[in-house]
Amino acid sequence: MKFARWIFLIASIYGLLIVAPGFFLERQAGSVVAVTHPEFYYGFYGSALVWQFVFLAISQNPARYRMLMPICVLEKFAFFSACLVLHLDGRLEIGGAFIAALVDGIWMFLFFFAWRASKPPSKTEA
């Protein structure tokens, strides 16, 4: 469980540091890509921020929250696969979003390995 604990703790800290500033960068993002729907912009950042707290909860008790680990793999897969397909289709250049997607891909595999390396909780822990 130590591996899972550390992976999810580091992921949550990293995610908080990366995601939180996005709430204050709408104007800068708007200079690169028009933010025509601020509700989607802030909704994305809000959802991403909530996931960092899920990772933090898992890091505190990986055995208890083991059932969430495959869902966390899917959370990372969603962004990683979308950006990869867009890149392969020529619609996303190598840059900020693509690099972020590659990082999410690494987290996806680490979450998967953490899930596989952890054991299900005993009946008393569940």
Foldseek 3Di string as FASTA:
>chain_A
DLLLLVLLLVVLVVLCVPLVCQVVCQVVVCVVPNCPDVCVSVVVSVVSNVVSVVSNVCSVPVQLCLVCLLVLLVVLCVQLVVQVVCVVVVNDDPDDSNVVNVVSVVSSVSSVVSSVPDDHDDPVSD
